[in-house]
Amino acid sequence: MDLARLQHRNQIALELEAEEQRLTSAAQREADQQYQQNDSNPDDPIHDPPQSLPQPAQRQTTRGRGHGHGLQPVVLRGHDPYHPPEPYYLGPMSIKCLHCGSLHFDIEKLSISTRNEPKFGMCCLQGQVRLAKLKHSPTELWNLFSESNPLSANFKKNI
């Protein structure tokens, strides 16, 4: 009895698979026929060639004219010309952290700071982080930076 059921199930599965293949190939044939009919239709707007192709933007070069004079901005369709951002001055970097001595801009103060006691969170987290003092640099290197060596100007220029 179980063997008969198993054979019956296999027969049904084979019939379903054959029907699925038949439907798939019929749908594929129909799609191919529609494609061939549409492909041969000269009135179809997809086959009309464009009236004019967009031309690439022209740009003048500055060879022999100096540094950047005579350039015109390249404007691509759908884009605004590039405008460089306005410079923004933060003021001098002259406010010292009371804990570590690092220099900050005035705008970097925390909202809990006062005019007399500026507090910053980007350097030492208001004294929570303490780093060891830096060791002195080697004498030869210090001399190159401090201009006591005749090679210091060349060293600073090419550092």
N, C-alpha and C. Protein backbone atom coordinates (compact mmCIF):
# COMPACT_ATOMS: atom_id res chain seq x y z
N MET A 1 0.81 -1.19 0.00
CA MET A 1 0.00 0.00 0.00
C MET A 1 0.85 1.26 0.00
N ASP A 2 1.91 1.28 0.79
CA ASP A 2 2.80 2.44 0.85
C ASP A 2 3.56 2.60 -0.46
N LEU A 3 3.92 1.53 -1.08
CA LEU A 3 4.63 1.59 -2.35
C LEU A 3 3.72 2.17 -3.43
N ALA A 4 2.47 1.85 -3.42
CA ALA A 4 1.52 2.38 -4.40
C ALA A 4 1.34 3.88 -4.22
N ARG A 5 1.27 4.32 -2.95
CA ARG A 5 1.15 5.76 -2.68
C ARG A 5 2.37 6.51 -3.16
N LEU A 6 3.53 5.96 -2.90
CA LEU A 6 4.78 6.61 -3.30
C LEU A 6 4.87 6.72 -4.82
N GLN A 7 4.48 5.67 -5.52
CA GLN A 7 4.49 5.72 -6.98
C GLN A 7 3.49 6.74 -7.50
N HIS A 8 2.32 6.81 -6.86
CA HIS A 8 1.30 7.79 -7.26
C HIS A 8 1.82 9.23 -7.06
N ARG A 9 2.48 9.49 -5.94
CA ARG A 9 3.02 10.82 -5.68
C ARG A 9 4.11 11.17 -6.70
N ASN A 10 4.95 10.25 -7.01
CA ASN A 10 5.99 10.49 -8.01
C ASN A 10 5.38 10.79 -9.37
N GLN A 11 4.31 10.06 -9.72
CA GLN A 11 3.64 10.28 -11.00
C GLN A 11 3.05 11.68 -11.06
N ILE A 12 2.41 12.13 -9.97
CA ILE A 12 1.83 13.47 -9.91
C ILE A 12 2.92 14.53 -10.02
N ALA A 13 4.05 14.34 -9.32
CA ALA A 13 5.16 15.30 -9.37
C ALA A 13 5.71 15.40 -10.78
N LEU A 14 5.84 14.27 -11.48
CA LEU A 14 6.34 14.29 -12.86
C LEU A 14 5.36 15.01 -13.79
N GLU A 15 4.07 14.79 -13.60
CA GLU A 15 3.07 15.45 -14.42
C GLU A 15 3.08 16.97 -14.19
N LEU A 16 3.20 17.37 -12.92
CA LEU A 16 3.27 18.81 -12.61
C LEU A 16 4.51 19.45 -13.22
N GLU A 17 5.62 18.78 -13.16
CA GLU A 17 6.87 19.31 -13.73
C GLU A 17 6.76 19.45 -15.25
N ALA A 18 6.15 18.45 -15.91
CA ALA A 18 5.97 18.51 -17.36
C ALA A 18 5.04 19.66 -17.74
N GLU A 19 3.96 19.87 -16.97
CA GLU A 19 3.03 20.97 -17.24
C GLU A 19 3.72 22.32 -17.06
N GLU A 20 4.55 22.43 -16.02
CA GLU A 20 5.28 23.68 -15.77
C GLU A 20 6.24 23.98 -16.92
N GLN A 21 6.93 22.98 -17.42
CA GLN A 21 7.84 23.19 -18.55
C GLN A 21 7.08 23.60 -19.81
N ARG A 22 5.91 22.99 -20.03
CA ARG A 22 5.11 23.32 -21.20
C ARG A 22 4.64 24.76 -21.13
N LEU A 23 4.17 25.20 -19.95
CA LEU A 23 3.71 26.58 -19.80
C LEU A 23 4.85 27.57 -19.94
N THR A 24 6.01 27.23 -19.39
CA THR A 24 7.17 28.11 -19.48
C THR A 24 7.61 28.28 -20.92
N SER A 25 7.68 27.20 -21.67
CA SER A 25 8.11 27.32 -23.06
C SER A 25 7.06 28.05 -23.90
N ALA A 26 5.76 27.88 -23.59
CA ALA A 26 4.72 28.61 -24.32
C ALA A 26 4.82 30.11 -24.02
N ALA A 27 5.07 30.46 -22.77
CA ALA A 27 5.21 31.88 -22.41
C ALA A 27 6.45 32.47 -23.06
N GLN A 28 7.52 31.70 -23.13
CA GLN A 28 8.76 32.18 -23.77
C GLN A 28 8.54 32.40 -25.26
N ARG A 29 7.83 31.47 -25.93
CA ARG A 29 7.55 31.65 -27.35
C ARG A 29 6.71 32.89 -27.59
N GLU A 30 5.72 33.12 -26.74
CA GLU A 30 4.87 34.29 -26.89
C GLU A 30 5.68 35.58 -26.69
N ALA A 31 6.56 35.60 -25.70
CA ALA A 31 7.39 36.77 -25.45
C ALA A 31 8.33 37.02 -26.63
N ASP A 32 8.89 35.96 -27.19
CA ASP A 32 9.77 36.11 -28.36
C ASP A 32 9.01 36.68 -29.56
N GLN A 33 7.78 36.21 -29.77
CA GLN A 33 6.99 36.72 -30.89
C GLN A 33 6.68 38.21 -30.70
N GLN A 34 6.31 38.61 -29.50
CA GLN A 34 6.03 40.02 -29.24
C GLN A 34 7.28 40.88 -29.45
N TYR A 35 8.41 40.37 -29.04
CA TYR A 35 9.65 41.11 -29.21
C TYR A 35 9.96 41.31 -30.69
N GLN A 36 9.79 40.25 -31.47
CA GLN A 36 10.08 40.35 -32.90
C GLN A 36 9.10 41.30 -33.59
N GLN A 37 7.84 41.29 -33.18
CA GLN A 37 6.87 42.20 -33.77
C GLN A 37 7.21 43.65 -33.43
N ASN A 38 7.56 43.91 -32.18
CA ASN A 38 7.90 45.27 -31.76
C ASN A 38 9.20 45.73 -32.38
N ASP A 39 10.13 44.82 -32.56
CA ASP A 39 11.44 45.17 -33.10
C ASP A 39 11.33 45.58 -34.56
N SER A 40 10.34 45.07 -35.26
CA SER A 40 10.22 45.39 -36.69
C SER A 40 9.28 46.56 -36.94
N ASN A 41 8.71 47.17 -35.91
CA ASN A 41 7.78 48.27 -36.07
C ASN A 41 8.56 49.58 -36.21
N PRO A 42 8.60 50.20 -37.41
CA PRO A 42 9.38 51.42 -37.58
C PRO A 42 8.74 52.65 -36.93
N ASP A 43 7.45 52.60 -36.60
CA ASP A 43 6.79 53.73 -35.97
C ASP A 43 7.02 53.78 -34.46
N ASP A 44 7.64 52.77 -33.92
CA ASP A 44 7.89 52.72 -32.49
C ASP A 44 8.88 53.81 -32.11
N PRO A 45 8.55 54.68 -31.13
CA PRO A 45 9.45 55.79 -30.78
C PRO A 45 10.80 55.35 -30.26
N ILE A 46 10.89 54.12 -29.82
CA ILE A 46 12.18 53.66 -29.31
C ILE A 46 13.20 53.53 -30.44
N HIS A 47 12.71 53.40 -31.69
CA HIS A 47 13.62 53.24 -32.82
C HIS A 47 13.97 54.57 -33.49
N ASP A 48 13.34 55.67 -33.07
CA ASP A 48 13.67 56.97 -33.65
C ASP A 48 15.03 57.42 -33.17
N PRO A 49 15.92 57.78 -34.07
CA PRO A 49 17.22 58.28 -33.62
C PRO A 49 17.05 59.66 -33.01
N PRO A 50 17.90 60.03 -32.05
CA PRO A 50 17.79 61.36 -31.47
C PRO A 50 18.07 62.42 -32.52
N GLN A 51 17.38 63.56 -32.40
CA GLN A 51 17.55 64.65 -33.37
C GLN A 51 18.95 65.24 -33.29
N SER A 52 19.44 65.44 -32.06
CA SER A 52 20.80 65.93 -31.90
C SER A 52 21.37 65.35 -30.62
N LEU A 53 22.59 64.97 -30.67
CA LEU A 53 23.25 64.42 -29.50
C LEU A 53 23.77 65.56 -28.63
N PRO A 54 23.72 65.43 -27.30
CA PRO A 54 24.28 66.48 -26.45
C PRO A 54 25.78 66.58 -26.66
N GLN A 55 26.25 67.79 -26.74
CA GLN A 55 27.67 68.03 -26.95
C GLN A 55 28.37 68.11 -25.60
N PRO A 56 29.58 67.59 -25.50
CA PRO A 56 30.30 67.72 -24.24
C PRO A 56 30.64 69.18 -23.98
N ALA A 57 30.72 69.54 -22.70
CA ALA A 57 31.03 70.91 -22.33
C ALA A 57 32.43 71.26 -22.80
N GLN A 58 32.59 72.49 -23.28
CA GLN A 58 33.89 72.95 -23.77
C GLN A 58 34.62 73.66 -22.65
N ARG A 59 35.93 73.54 -22.63
CA ARG A 59 36.71 74.18 -21.60
C ARG A 59 37.96 74.76 -22.22
N GLN A 60 38.27 75.98 -21.85
CA GLN A 60 39.49 76.61 -22.35
C GLN A 60 40.66 76.19 -21.48
N THR A 61 41.80 76.08 -22.09
CA THR A 61 42.99 75.76 -21.33
C THR A 61 43.79 77.03 -21.11
N THR A 62 44.73 76.96 -20.19
CA THR A 62 45.49 78.17 -19.84
C THR A 62 46.94 78.07 -20.27
N ARG A 63 47.27 77.20 -21.17
CA ARG A 63 48.67 77.06 -21.59
C ARG A 63 49.18 78.38 -22.14
N GLY A 64 50.23 78.85 -21.53
CA GLY A 64 50.87 80.06 -22.01
C GLY A 64 50.15 81.33 -21.61
N ARG A 65 49.13 81.25 -20.76
CA ARG A 65 48.40 82.45 -20.40
C ARG A 65 48.58 82.84 -18.94
N GLY A 66 49.27 82.08 -18.19
CA GLY A 66 49.45 82.43 -16.78
C GLY A 66 48.75 81.41 -15.90
N HIS A 67 48.46 81.80 -14.71
CA HIS A 67 47.90 80.88 -13.72
C HIS A 67 46.40 81.03 -13.59
N GLY A 68 45.65 80.24 -14.31
CA GLY A 68 44.21 80.19 -14.14
C GLY A 68 43.42 81.28 -14.82
N HIS A 69 44.04 82.17 -15.56
CA HIS A 69 43.30 83.23 -16.24
C HIS A 69 42.73 82.67 -17.53
N GLY A 70 41.51 83.02 -17.84
CA GLY A 70 40.90 82.60 -19.09
C GLY A 70 40.12 81.31 -18.99
N LEU A 71 40.05 80.68 -17.82
CA LEU A 71 39.26 79.47 -17.68
C LEU A 71 37.79 79.84 -17.54
N GLN A 72 36.97 79.08 -18.17
CA GLN A 72 35.54 79.24 -18.00
C GLN A 72 35.02 78.01 -17.29
N PRO A 73 34.06 78.16 -16.39
CA PRO A 73 33.59 76.99 -15.66
C PRO A 73 32.87 76.02 -16.58
N VAL A 74 33.07 74.74 -16.33
CA VAL A 74 32.39 73.71 -17.08
C VAL A 74 31.05 73.49 -16.41
N VAL A 75 29.97 73.65 -17.15
CA VAL A 75 28.64 73.48 -16.60
C VAL A 75 28.02 72.27 -17.27
N LEU A 76 27.75 71.26 -16.48
CA LEU A 76 27.11 70.06 -17.00
C LEU A 76 25.60 70.25 -16.91
N ARG A 77 24.89 69.61 -17.79
CA ARG A 77 23.44 69.74 -17.76
C ARG A 77 22.91 69.15 -16.46
N GLY A 78 21.99 69.89 -15.86
CA GLY A 78 21.39 69.41 -14.62
C GLY A 78 22.19 69.77 -13.38
N HIS A 79 23.29 70.49 -13.54
CA HIS A 79 24.12 70.85 -12.40
C HIS A 79 24.33 72.36 -12.39
N ASP A 80 24.43 72.91 -11.20
CA ASP A 80 24.79 74.31 -11.06
C ASP A 80 26.30 74.43 -11.14
N PRO A 81 26.81 75.58 -11.58
CA PRO A 81 28.25 75.74 -11.58
C PRO A 81 28.79 75.71 -10.16
N TYR A 82 30.03 75.30 -10.02
CA TYR A 82 30.66 75.20 -8.70
C TYR A 82 30.97 76.58 -8.17
N HIS A 83 30.56 76.82 -6.94
CA HIS A 83 30.90 78.04 -6.24
C HIS A 83 31.67 77.64 -4.99
N PRO A 84 32.91 78.09 -4.87
CA PRO A 84 33.68 77.70 -3.68
C PRO A 84 33.02 78.27 -2.42
N PRO A 85 33.14 77.57 -1.31
CA PRO A 85 32.50 78.05 -0.09
C PRO A 85 33.16 79.34 0.40
N GLU A 86 32.36 80.13 1.09
CA GLU A 86 32.87 81.36 1.67
C GLU A 86 33.83 81.00 2.81
N PRO A 87 34.94 81.72 2.93
CA PRO A 87 35.84 81.43 4.05
C PRO A 87 35.18 81.78 5.38
N TYR A 88 35.44 80.98 6.37
CA TYR A 88 34.87 81.19 7.69
C TYR A 88 36.01 81.29 8.68
N TYR A 89 36.10 82.38 9.39
CA TYR A 89 37.19 82.60 10.31
C TYR A 89 36.71 82.31 11.73
N LEU A 90 37.39 81.41 12.42
CA LEU A 90 37.03 81.03 13.78
C LEU A 90 37.69 81.90 14.83
N GLY A 91 38.51 82.81 14.40
CA GLY A 91 39.25 83.62 15.36
C GLY A 91 40.57 82.94 15.68
N PRO A 92 41.35 83.55 16.56
CA PRO A 92 42.65 82.95 16.88
C PRO A 92 42.50 81.70 17.75
N MET A 93 43.42 80.79 17.59
CA MET A 93 43.46 79.60 18.43
C MET A 93 44.32 79.96 19.63
N SER A 94 43.70 80.61 20.61
CA SER A 94 44.49 81.17 21.69
C SER A 94 43.95 80.87 23.08
N ILE A 95 42.89 80.10 23.21
CA ILE A 95 42.34 79.79 24.52
C ILE A 95 42.99 78.50 25.01
N LYS A 96 43.63 78.58 26.19
CA LYS A 96 44.35 77.43 26.75
C LYS A 96 43.45 76.61 27.65
N CYS A 97 43.58 75.29 27.53
CA CYS A 97 42.89 74.40 28.44
C CYS A 97 43.56 74.52 29.81
N LEU A 98 42.77 74.64 30.87
CA LEU A 98 43.32 74.80 32.21
C LEU A 98 44.00 73.54 32.72
N HIS A 99 43.67 72.39 32.12
CA HIS A 99 44.20 71.12 32.63
C HIS A 99 45.45 70.68 31.88
N CYS A 100 45.43 70.75 30.54
CA CYS A 100 46.57 70.23 29.78
C CYS A 100 47.33 71.29 29.00
N GLY A 101 46.79 72.48 28.89
CA GLY A 101 47.48 73.56 28.22
C GLY A 101 47.34 73.58 26.71
N SER A 102 46.53 72.71 26.14
CA SER A 102 46.37 72.72 24.68
C SER A 102 45.59 73.95 24.24
N LEU A 103 45.86 74.42 23.03
CA LEU A 103 45.21 75.62 22.50
C LEU A 103 43.95 75.25 21.74
N HIS A 104 42.92 76.09 21.89
CA HIS A 104 41.63 75.86 21.26
C HIS A 104 41.09 77.16 20.70
N PHE A 105 40.10 77.04 19.81
CA PHE A 105 39.32 78.18 19.38
C PHE A 105 38.27 78.47 20.45
N ASP A 106 37.82 79.69 20.52
CA ASP A 106 36.81 80.08 21.50
C ASP A 106 35.51 79.31 21.29
N ILE A 107 35.18 79.01 20.05
CA ILE A 107 33.93 78.33 19.70
C ILE A 107 33.92 76.87 20.20
N GLU A 108 35.09 76.32 20.54
CA GLU A 108 35.18 74.92 20.97
C GLU A 108 34.86 74.72 22.44
N LYS A 109 34.60 75.77 23.18
CA LYS A 109 34.31 75.63 24.60
C LYS A 109 33.02 74.84 24.81
N LEU A 110 32.98 74.11 25.90
CA LEU A 110 31.76 73.41 26.27
C LEU A 110 30.72 74.41 26.78
N SER A 111 29.47 74.04 26.72
CA SER A 111 28.41 74.97 27.13
C SER A 111 28.44 75.23 28.64
N ILE A 112 29.08 74.37 29.43
CA ILE A 112 29.14 74.57 30.87
C ILE A 112 30.30 75.47 31.28
N SER A 113 31.13 75.90 30.33
CA SER A 113 32.28 76.73 30.68
C SER A 113 31.86 78.18 30.84
N THR A 114 32.71 78.91 31.56
CA THR A 114 32.48 80.34 31.76
C THR A 114 33.59 81.10 31.06
N ARG A 115 33.48 82.41 31.08
CA ARG A 115 34.50 83.23 30.43
C ARG A 115 35.84 83.10 31.15
N ASN A 116 35.80 83.01 32.48
CA ASN A 116 37.03 82.91 33.27
C ASN A 116 37.56 81.49 33.36
N GLU A 117 36.70 80.50 33.25
CA GLU A 117 37.11 79.10 33.32
C GLU A 117 36.62 78.35 32.09
N PRO A 118 37.35 78.45 30.99
CA PRO A 118 36.93 77.71 29.79
C PRO A 118 37.16 76.21 29.99
N LYS A 119 36.20 75.42 29.53
CA LYS A 119 36.30 73.95 29.64
C LYS A 119 36.15 73.37 28.25
N PHE A 120 37.00 72.38 27.97
CA PHE A 120 37.02 71.73 26.66
C PHE A 120 36.89 70.23 26.84
N GLY A 121 36.31 69.58 25.90
CA GLY A 121 36.14 68.13 25.98
C GLY A 121 36.92 67.36 24.94
N MET A 122 37.63 68.06 24.04
CA MET A 122 38.32 67.35 22.95
C MET A 122 39.78 67.04 23.25
N CYS A 123 40.36 67.64 24.26
CA CYS A 123 41.78 67.41 24.49
C CYS A 123 42.00 66.38 25.61
N CYS A 124 41.61 66.72 26.82
CA CYS A 124 41.89 65.83 27.95
C CYS A 124 40.63 65.49 28.74
N LEU A 125 39.47 65.76 28.20
CA LEU A 125 38.18 65.51 28.86
C LEU A 125 38.15 66.18 30.23
N GLN A 126 38.52 67.45 30.27
CA GLN A 126 38.51 68.27 31.48
C GLN A 126 39.38 67.68 32.58
N GLY A 127 40.55 67.21 32.19
CA GLY A 127 41.51 66.70 33.16
C GLY A 127 41.39 65.23 33.48
N GLN A 128 40.47 64.52 32.86
CA GLN A 128 40.31 63.09 33.13
C GLN A 128 41.41 62.26 32.49
N VAL A 129 41.99 62.74 31.38
CA VAL A 129 43.06 62.02 30.70
C VAL A 129 44.36 62.78 30.95
N ARG A 130 45.35 62.07 31.47
CA ARG A 130 46.65 62.70 31.72
C ARG A 130 47.72 61.88 31.02
N LEU A 131 48.41 62.54 30.12
CA LEU A 131 49.49 61.89 29.39
C LEU A 131 50.83 62.24 30.03
N ALA A 132 51.77 61.33 29.89
CA ALA A 132 53.12 61.58 30.41
C ALA A 132 53.75 62.70 29.59
N LYS A 133 54.61 63.46 30.22
CA LYS A 133 55.32 64.53 29.52
C LYS A 133 56.21 63.92 28.44
N LEU A 134 56.35 64.64 27.33
CA LEU A 134 57.21 64.16 26.24
C LEU A 134 58.67 64.25 26.63
N LYS A 135 59.44 63.27 26.18
CA LYS A 135 60.88 63.32 26.42
C LYS A 135 61.50 64.35 25.50
N HIS A 136 62.64 64.87 25.90
CA HIS A 136 63.34 65.83 25.06
C HIS A 136 63.83 65.15 23.79
N SER A 137 63.77 65.88 22.70
CA SER A 137 64.23 65.32 21.42
C SER A 137 65.75 65.26 21.41
N PRO A 138 66.32 64.44 20.55
CA PRO A 138 67.80 64.38 20.45
C PRO A 138 68.37 65.75 20.10
N THR A 139 69.56 66.02 20.57
CA THR A 139 70.20 67.31 20.40
C THR A 139 70.34 67.68 18.92
N GLU A 140 70.72 66.72 18.08
CA GLU A 140 70.90 66.99 16.65
C GLU A 140 69.58 67.45 16.01
N LEU A 141 68.52 66.80 16.37
CA LEU A 141 67.21 67.17 15.82
C LEU A 141 66.77 68.53 16.37
N TRP A 142 66.99 68.78 17.65
CA TRP A 142 66.63 70.06 18.24
C TRP A 142 67.39 71.21 17.57
N ASN A 143 68.66 70.98 17.27
CA ASN A 143 69.47 72.01 16.61
C ASN A 143 68.93 72.33 15.21
N LEU A 144 68.46 71.31 14.49
CA LEU A 144 67.91 71.56 13.16
C LEU A 144 66.63 72.40 13.23
N PHE A 145 65.83 72.20 14.27
CA PHE A 145 64.60 72.98 14.41
C PHE A 145 64.85 74.38 14.98
N SER A 146 65.89 74.53 15.80
CA SER A 146 66.10 75.80 16.49
C SER A 146 66.99 76.77 15.73
N GLU A 147 67.39 76.44 14.53
CA GLU A 147 68.19 77.29 13.65
C GLU A 147 69.59 77.56 14.18
N SER A 148 70.08 76.74 15.08
CA SER A 148 71.46 76.89 15.52
C SER A 148 72.40 76.09 14.63
N ASN A 149 71.84 75.37 13.68
CA ASN A 149 72.61 74.57 12.75
C ASN A 149 72.53 75.23 11.37
N PRO A 150 73.65 75.28 10.61
CA PRO A 150 73.59 75.89 9.28
C PRO A 150 72.65 75.15 8.30
N LEU A 151 72.35 73.90 8.57
CA LEU A 151 71.46 73.12 7.69
C LEU A 151 69.98 73.25 8.07
N SER A 152 69.67 74.02 9.11
CA SER A 152 68.29 74.06 9.60
C SER A 152 67.31 74.65 8.58
N ALA A 153 67.73 75.66 7.82
CA ALA A 153 66.82 76.26 6.83
C ALA A 153 66.46 75.23 5.76
N ASN A 154 67.44 74.49 5.28
CA ASN A 154 67.18 73.44 4.28
C ASN A 154 66.33 72.32 4.88
N PHE A 155 66.60 71.99 6.13
CA PHE A 155 65.85 70.93 6.82
C PHE A 155 64.36 71.33 6.93
N LYS A 156 64.09 72.55 7.37
CA LYS A 156 62.71 73.01 7.53
C LYS A 156 61.98 73.11 6.19
N LYS A 157 62.72 73.49 5.17
CA LYS A 157 62.11 73.63 3.84
C LYS A 157 61.71 72.26 3.27
N ASN A 158 62.52 71.25 3.51
CA ASN A 158 62.30 69.94 2.90
C ASN A 158 61.82 68.89 3.89
N ILE A 159 61.30 69.29 4.98
CA ILE A 159 60.87 68.33 6.02
C ILE A 159 59.71 67.48 5.55
